[in-house]
Amino acid sequence: MANQKACTAVSSAIKRGELPNLNTQVCVDCGEPAKHYDHRDYSKPLDVEPTCISCNYKRGAAIGSHDK
């Protein structure tokens, strides 16, 4: 699935130091501690923003989230 590939790409980018660890980030929407990197489009796997759980849920599904 597209979302699994995108999540794997983010994990790899964090390990390589291309993206910062989430424990150092705050939610771009509300300023709370970030818990997720949010994808708006799974075809752009590293185009992500740190979000808290609540804001990530409010943002809804990303483009390509229903791909098989």
N, C-alpha and C. Protein backbone atom coordinates (compact mmCIF):
# COMPACT_ATOMS: atom_id res chain seq x y z
N MET A 1 0.82 -1.18 0.00
CA MET A 1 0.00 0.00 0.00
C MET A 1 0.87 1.25 0.00
N ALA A 2 0.31 2.30 -0.55
CA ALA A 2 1.05 3.57 -0.65
C ALA A 2 1.42 4.12 0.71
N ASN A 3 0.51 4.00 1.67
CA ASN A 3 0.81 4.57 2.99
C ASN A 3 1.94 3.82 3.69
N GLN A 4 2.03 2.51 3.53
CA GLN A 4 3.12 1.76 4.14
C GLN A 4 4.46 2.15 3.53
N LYS A 5 4.50 2.32 2.21
CA LYS A 5 5.74 2.73 1.55
C LYS A 5 6.17 4.12 2.01
N ALA A 6 5.21 5.02 2.14
CA ALA A 6 5.52 6.37 2.57
C ALA A 6 6.03 6.37 4.01
N CYS A 7 5.41 5.60 4.87
CA CYS A 7 5.84 5.52 6.27
C CYS A 7 7.24 4.91 6.39
N THR A 8 7.52 3.92 5.59
CA THR A 8 8.85 3.31 5.56
C THR A 8 9.88 4.33 5.09
N ALA A 9 9.53 5.13 4.09
CA ALA A 9 10.44 6.16 3.59
C ALA A 9 10.74 7.19 4.67
N VAL A 10 9.73 7.58 5.45
CA VAL A 10 9.93 8.53 6.54
C VAL A 10 10.83 7.92 7.61
N SER A 11 10.58 6.69 8.00
CA SER A 11 11.43 6.03 9.00
C SER A 11 12.88 5.97 8.55
N SER A 12 13.09 5.64 7.30
CA SER A 12 14.45 5.58 6.76
C SER A 12 15.10 6.96 6.75
N ALA A 13 14.32 7.99 6.40
CA ALA A 13 14.86 9.36 6.36
C ALA A 13 15.24 9.82 7.76
N ILE A 14 14.47 9.44 8.76
CA ILE A 14 14.81 9.78 10.15
C ILE A 14 16.13 9.11 10.54
N LYS A 15 16.28 7.83 10.20
CA LYS A 15 17.52 7.10 10.53
C LYS A 15 18.73 7.70 9.84
N ARG A 16 18.54 8.21 8.62
CA ARG A 16 19.65 8.82 7.87
C ARG A 16 19.91 10.27 8.30
N GLY A 17 19.03 10.82 9.12
CA GLY A 17 19.19 12.19 9.57
C GLY A 17 18.60 13.23 8.62
N GLU A 18 17.84 12.78 7.64
CA GLU A 18 17.22 13.70 6.68
C GLU A 18 15.97 14.36 7.25
N LEU A 19 15.33 13.70 8.20
CA LEU A 19 14.19 14.26 8.94
C LEU A 19 14.52 14.18 10.41
N PRO A 20 14.13 15.19 11.19
CA PRO A 20 14.40 15.13 12.63
C PRO A 20 13.50 14.13 13.33
N ASN A 21 13.98 13.61 14.46
CA ASN A 21 13.16 12.73 15.28
C ASN A 21 11.92 13.48 15.75
N LEU A 22 10.80 12.80 15.82
CA LEU A 22 9.56 13.44 16.25
C LEU A 22 9.62 13.96 17.68
N ASN A 23 10.42 13.34 18.52
CA ASN A 23 10.47 13.78 19.92
C ASN A 23 11.09 15.17 20.07
N THR A 24 11.60 15.74 18.98
CA THR A 24 12.15 17.09 19.00
C THR A 24 11.23 18.08 18.29
N GLN A 25 10.07 17.62 17.84
CA GLN A 25 9.19 18.44 17.01
C GLN A 25 7.89 18.81 17.73
N VAL A 26 7.28 19.90 17.27
CA VAL A 26 5.96 20.30 17.77
C VAL A 26 4.99 20.28 16.59
N CYS A 27 3.72 20.13 16.90
CA CYS A 27 2.67 20.10 15.90
C CYS A 27 2.62 21.44 15.17
N VAL A 28 2.60 21.40 13.85
CA VAL A 28 2.54 22.62 13.05
C VAL A 28 1.19 23.31 13.16
N ASP A 29 0.18 22.60 13.62
CA ASP A 29 -1.16 23.17 13.72
C ASP A 29 -1.44 23.81 15.08
N CYS A 30 -1.00 23.17 16.17
CA CYS A 30 -1.40 23.66 17.50
C CYS A 30 -0.23 23.91 18.46
N GLY A 31 0.96 23.43 18.13
CA GLY A 31 2.12 23.65 18.99
C GLY A 31 2.35 22.61 20.07
N GLU A 32 1.47 21.63 20.18
CA GLU A 32 1.67 20.53 21.13
C GLU A 32 2.80 19.62 20.64
N PRO A 33 3.33 18.75 21.49
CA PRO A 33 4.37 17.82 21.03
C PRO A 33 3.87 16.96 19.87
N ALA A 34 4.68 16.84 18.84
CA ALA A 34 4.32 16.04 17.66
C ALA A 34 4.46 14.56 17.96
N LYS A 35 3.56 13.78 17.42
CA LYS A 35 3.58 12.32 17.56
C LYS A 35 3.60 11.61 16.21
N HIS A 36 3.29 12.35 15.13
CA HIS A 36 3.20 11.76 13.79
C HIS A 36 3.82 12.71 12.77
N TYR A 37 4.30 12.14 11.68
CA TYR A 37 4.59 12.92 10.48
C TYR A 37 3.38 12.71 9.58
N ASP A 38 2.70 13.78 9.24
CA ASP A 38 1.48 13.70 8.45
C ASP A 38 1.79 13.84 6.97
N HIS A 39 1.30 12.89 6.19
CA HIS A 39 1.38 12.95 4.73
C HIS A 39 0.07 13.53 4.20
N ARG A 40 0.12 14.45 3.30
CA ARG A 40 -1.08 14.91 2.61
C ARG A 40 -1.22 14.20 1.27
N ASP A 41 -0.11 13.66 0.76
CA ASP A 41 -0.11 12.97 -0.52
C ASP A 41 0.94 11.86 -0.44
N TYR A 42 0.50 10.63 -0.45
CA TYR A 42 1.44 9.51 -0.31
C TYR A 42 2.38 9.35 -1.49
N SER A 43 2.09 9.98 -2.62
CA SER A 43 3.02 9.90 -3.75
C SER A 43 4.24 10.80 -3.52
N LYS A 44 4.21 11.61 -2.46
CA LYS A 44 5.34 12.45 -2.07
C LYS A 44 5.75 12.03 -0.66
N PRO A 45 6.43 10.90 -0.54
CA PRO A 45 6.63 10.27 0.77
C PRO A 45 7.40 11.09 1.81
N LEU A 46 8.24 12.02 1.38
CA LEU A 46 8.99 12.81 2.35
C LEU A 46 8.45 14.23 2.49
N ASP A 47 7.33 14.52 1.88
CA ASP A 47 6.66 15.81 2.04
C ASP A 47 5.70 15.66 3.21
N VAL A 48 6.22 15.86 4.41
CA VAL A 48 5.46 15.60 5.64
C VAL A 48 5.56 16.79 6.59
N GLU A 49 4.61 16.83 7.52
CA GLU A 49 4.62 17.84 8.57
C GLU A 49 4.39 17.16 9.91
N PRO A 50 5.10 17.59 10.95
CA PRO A 50 4.88 17.00 12.27
C PRO A 50 3.55 17.47 12.84
N THR A 51 2.77 16.52 13.37
CA THR A 51 1.48 16.85 13.98
C THR A 51 1.29 16.04 15.26
N CYS A 52 0.42 16.56 16.12
CA CYS A 52 0.02 15.78 17.30
C CYS A 52 -1.05 14.79 16.86
N ILE A 53 -1.43 13.91 17.75
CA ILE A 53 -2.42 12.88 17.42
C ILE A 53 -3.75 13.52 17.02
N SER A 54 -4.20 14.50 17.80
CA SER A 54 -5.49 15.13 17.56
C SER A 54 -5.53 15.86 16.21
N CYS A 55 -4.52 16.64 15.93
CA CYS A 55 -4.50 17.39 14.66
C CYS A 55 -4.33 16.45 13.47
N ASN A 56 -3.55 15.39 13.63
CA ASN A 56 -3.40 14.43 12.55
C ASN A 56 -4.75 13.81 12.20
N TYR A 57 -5.54 13.48 13.22
CA TYR A 57 -6.87 12.93 13.00
C TYR A 57 -7.78 13.96 12.31
N LYS A 58 -7.73 15.20 12.76
CA LYS A 58 -8.57 16.25 12.18
C LYS A 58 -8.25 16.50 10.71
N ARG A 59 -7.00 16.31 10.33
CA ARG A 59 -6.59 16.53 8.94
C ARG A 59 -7.21 15.51 7.98
N GLY A 60 -7.54 14.36 8.48
CA GLY A 60 -8.17 13.34 7.64
C GLY A 60 -7.18 12.58 6.78
N ALA A 61 -7.72 11.79 5.88
CA ALA A 61 -6.92 10.91 5.04
C ALA A 61 -6.14 11.68 3.99
N ALA A 62 -4.98 11.15 3.67
CA ALA A 62 -4.12 11.74 2.64
C ALA A 62 -4.56 11.25 1.27
N ILE A 63 -4.14 11.98 0.24
CA ILE A 63 -4.36 11.54 -1.15
C ILE A 63 -3.63 10.22 -1.33
N GLY A 64 -4.28 9.26 -1.92
CA GLY A 64 -3.68 7.96 -2.15
C GLY A 64 -3.84 7.00 -1.01
N SER A 65 -4.58 7.39 0.03
CA SER A 65 -4.72 6.52 1.19
C SER A 65 -5.59 5.30 0.92
N HIS A 66 -6.32 5.31 -0.16
CA HIS A 66 -7.18 4.17 -0.49
C HIS A 66 -6.62 3.33 -1.63
N ASP A 67 -5.37 3.62 -2.02
CA ASP A 67 -4.72 2.82 -3.07
C ASP A 67 -4.45 1.42 -2.57
N LYS A 68 -4.47 0.49 -3.46
CA LYS A 68 -4.17 -0.90 -3.11
C LYS A 68 -2.86 -1.32 -3.70
